[in-house]
N, C-alpha and C. Protein backbone atom coordinates (compact mmCIF):
# COMPACT_ATOMS: atom_id res chain seq x y z
N UNK A 1 -0.48 2.55 9.72
CA UNK A 1 -1.21 3.69 9.93
C UNK A 1 -2.24 3.80 10.52
N UNK A 2 -2.64 4.79 11.41
CA UNK A 2 -3.64 5.33 12.05
C UNK A 2 -3.79 6.48 11.98
N UNK A 3 -5.06 6.30 12.21
CA UNK A 3 -5.98 7.92 12.21
C UNK A 3 -6.68 8.29 14.00
N UNK A 4 -5.94 9.49 13.91
CA UNK A 4 -6.63 9.62 15.31
C UNK A 4 -7.76 10.99 14.88
N UNK A 5 -8.30 10.69 16.72
CA UNK A 5 -9.56 11.20 16.51
C UNK A 5 -9.63 12.62 15.62
N UNK A 6 -8.84 13.43 15.60
CA UNK A 6 -9.19 14.59 14.77
C UNK A 6 -8.85 14.72 13.38
N UNK A 7 -8.42 13.37 12.82
CA UNK A 7 -8.61 13.24 11.77
C UNK A 7 -7.22 12.88 10.80
N UNK A 8 -6.29 13.43 11.69
CA UNK A 8 -4.83 13.16 11.19
C UNK A 8 -4.40 11.88 11.23
N UNK A 9 -3.74 11.37 9.85
CA UNK A 9 -3.32 10.16 9.71
C UNK A 9 -1.66 9.78 9.80
N UNK A 10 -1.61 9.09 10.73
CA UNK A 10 -0.14 8.87 11.22
C UNK A 10 0.49 7.58 10.89
N UNK A 11 1.75 7.16 10.32
CA UNK A 11 2.46 6.34 9.78
C UNK A 11 3.11 5.19 11.16
N UNK A 12 2.66 4.29 11.11
CA UNK A 12 3.06 2.96 12.54
C UNK A 12 3.91 2.27 11.48
N UNK A 13 4.93 1.61 12.08
CA UNK A 13 5.87 0.70 11.67
C UNK A 13 5.34 -0.51 11.76
N UNK A 14 5.03 -1.74 10.95
CA UNK A 14 4.26 -2.90 11.24
C UNK A 14 5.65 -3.54 10.60
N UNK A 15 5.56 -5.04 11.32
CA UNK A 15 6.73 -6.39 10.27
C UNK A 15 5.96 -7.10 10.13
N UNK A 16 5.64 -7.46 8.62
CA UNK A 16 5.06 -8.99 8.55
C UNK A 16 6.30 -9.75 7.78
N UNK A 17 6.11 -11.07 8.22
CA UNK A 17 6.54 -12.16 7.95
C UNK A 17 6.23 -12.58 6.44
N UNK A 18 7.24 -12.88 6.00
CA UNK A 18 7.17 -13.27 4.51
C UNK A 18 8.00 -14.48 4.29
N UNK A 19 7.74 -15.22 3.09
CA UNK A 19 7.70 -16.36 3.08
C UNK A 19 9.81 -16.15 2.53
N UNK A 20 10.39 -16.59 2.01
CA UNK A 20 12.09 -16.56 1.60
C UNK A 20 11.71 -16.10 0.55
N UNK A 21 10.91 -16.54 -0.63
CA UNK A 21 11.42 -16.16 -1.90
C UNK A 21 10.51 -14.87 -2.02
N UNK A 22 9.60 -14.09 -1.06
CA UNK A 22 8.76 -13.36 -1.07
C UNK A 22 9.75 -11.79 -1.12
N UNK A 23 9.15 -10.55 -1.31
CA UNK A 23 10.01 -9.41 -1.80
C UNK A 23 9.20 -8.43 -0.87
N UNK A 24 9.76 -7.79 -0.02
CA UNK A 24 8.97 -6.34 0.58
C UNK A 24 9.45 -4.98 -0.30
N UNK A 25 8.13 -4.03 -0.69
CA UNK A 25 8.44 -3.29 -1.49
C UNK A 25 7.57 -2.08 -0.72
N UNK A 26 7.79 -0.70 -0.28
CA UNK A 26 7.13 0.07 0.17
C UNK A 26 6.42 0.96 -1.05
N UNK A 27 5.44 1.27 -1.59
CA UNK A 27 4.88 2.69 -2.71
C UNK A 27 3.88 3.55 -1.77
N UNK A 28 4.44 5.01 -2.11
CA UNK A 28 3.76 5.63 -1.48
C UNK A 28 2.71 6.56 -2.56
N UNK A 29 1.63 6.05 -2.94
CA UNK A 29 0.74 6.73 -3.57
C UNK A 29 -0.87 7.55 -3.31
N UNK A 30 -1.08 8.41 -3.87
CA UNK A 30 -2.29 9.37 -3.32
C UNK A 30 -3.28 8.83 -3.60
N UNK A 31 -4.37 9.28 -3.50
CA UNK A 31 -5.91 8.64 -3.37
C UNK A 31 -6.21 8.70 -5.15
N UNK A 32 -6.02 9.72 -5.34
CA UNK A 32 -6.13 9.69 -6.45
C UNK A 32 -5.74 9.69 -7.90
N UNK A 33 -4.42 8.70 -7.75
CA UNK A 33 -3.37 8.23 -8.69
C UNK A 33 -4.26 6.90 -8.92
N UNK A 34 -4.08 6.98 -10.43
CA UNK A 34 -4.74 5.98 -11.11
C UNK A 34 -4.09 5.42 -12.18
N UNK A 35 -4.17 4.45 -12.75
CA UNK A 35 -3.50 3.46 -13.93
C UNK A 35 -4.39 3.09 -15.10
N UNK A 36 -4.42 3.54 -16.05
CA UNK A 36 -5.61 2.96 -16.60
C UNK A 36 -7.15 2.66 -16.25
N UNK A 37 -7.29 4.03 -15.41
CA UNK A 37 -8.72 3.94 -15.64
C UNK A 37 -8.99 3.28 -13.97
N UNK A 38 -8.02 2.29 -13.32
CA UNK A 38 -8.43 2.00 -11.96
C UNK A 38 -7.50 2.53 -10.79
N UNK A 39 -7.74 2.55 -9.68
CA UNK A 39 -7.11 3.00 -8.71
C UNK A 39 -5.64 2.46 -8.80
N UNK A 40 -4.16 3.24 -8.37
CA UNK A 40 -3.31 2.86 -8.67
C UNK A 40 -2.82 1.38 -7.77
N UNK A 41 -3.22 1.56 -6.66
CA UNK A 41 -2.86 0.54 -5.58
C UNK A 41 -3.30 -0.43 -5.95
N UNK A 42 -4.66 -0.50 -6.81
CA UNK A 42 -5.29 -1.75 -6.81
C UNK A 42 -4.72 -2.28 -8.34
N UNK A 43 -4.11 -1.50 -9.40
CA UNK A 43 -3.12 -2.15 -10.37
C UNK A 43 -2.07 -2.77 -9.53
N UNK A 44 -1.68 -2.28 -8.63
CA UNK A 44 0.09 -2.65 -8.22
C UNK A 44 -0.37 -4.29 -7.35
N UNK A 45 -1.65 -4.36 -6.88
CA UNK A 45 -1.72 -5.79 -5.90
C UNK A 45 -1.78 -6.81 -7.26
N UNK A 46 -2.71 -6.16 -8.20
CA UNK A 46 -3.26 -7.21 -9.32
C UNK A 46 -1.60 -7.45 -10.02
N UNK A 47 -0.59 -6.73 -10.17
CA UNK A 47 0.39 -7.28 -11.33
C UNK A 47 1.16 -8.18 -9.88
N UNK A 48 1.17 -7.27 -8.74
CA UNK A 48 2.15 -8.14 -8.11
C UNK A 48 1.61 -9.76 -7.73
N UNK A 49 0.33 -9.95 -7.73
CA UNK A 49 0.04 -11.30 -7.31
C UNK A 49 0.25 -12.30 -8.81
N UNK A 50 0.52 -11.72 -9.73
CA UNK A 50 0.74 -12.13 -11.24
C UNK A 50 2.10 -13.43 -10.81
């Protein structure tokens, strides 16, 4: 993702090397999405690390 000079956000393709046992997921959420009082993206990362 990148932001242009006029403030627009553009999605860009990126490749990530994952370990063989890893999983790649793409989740599209909004800035205001929350779960149990914390930002949803933080909750997803926290649970994914478990």
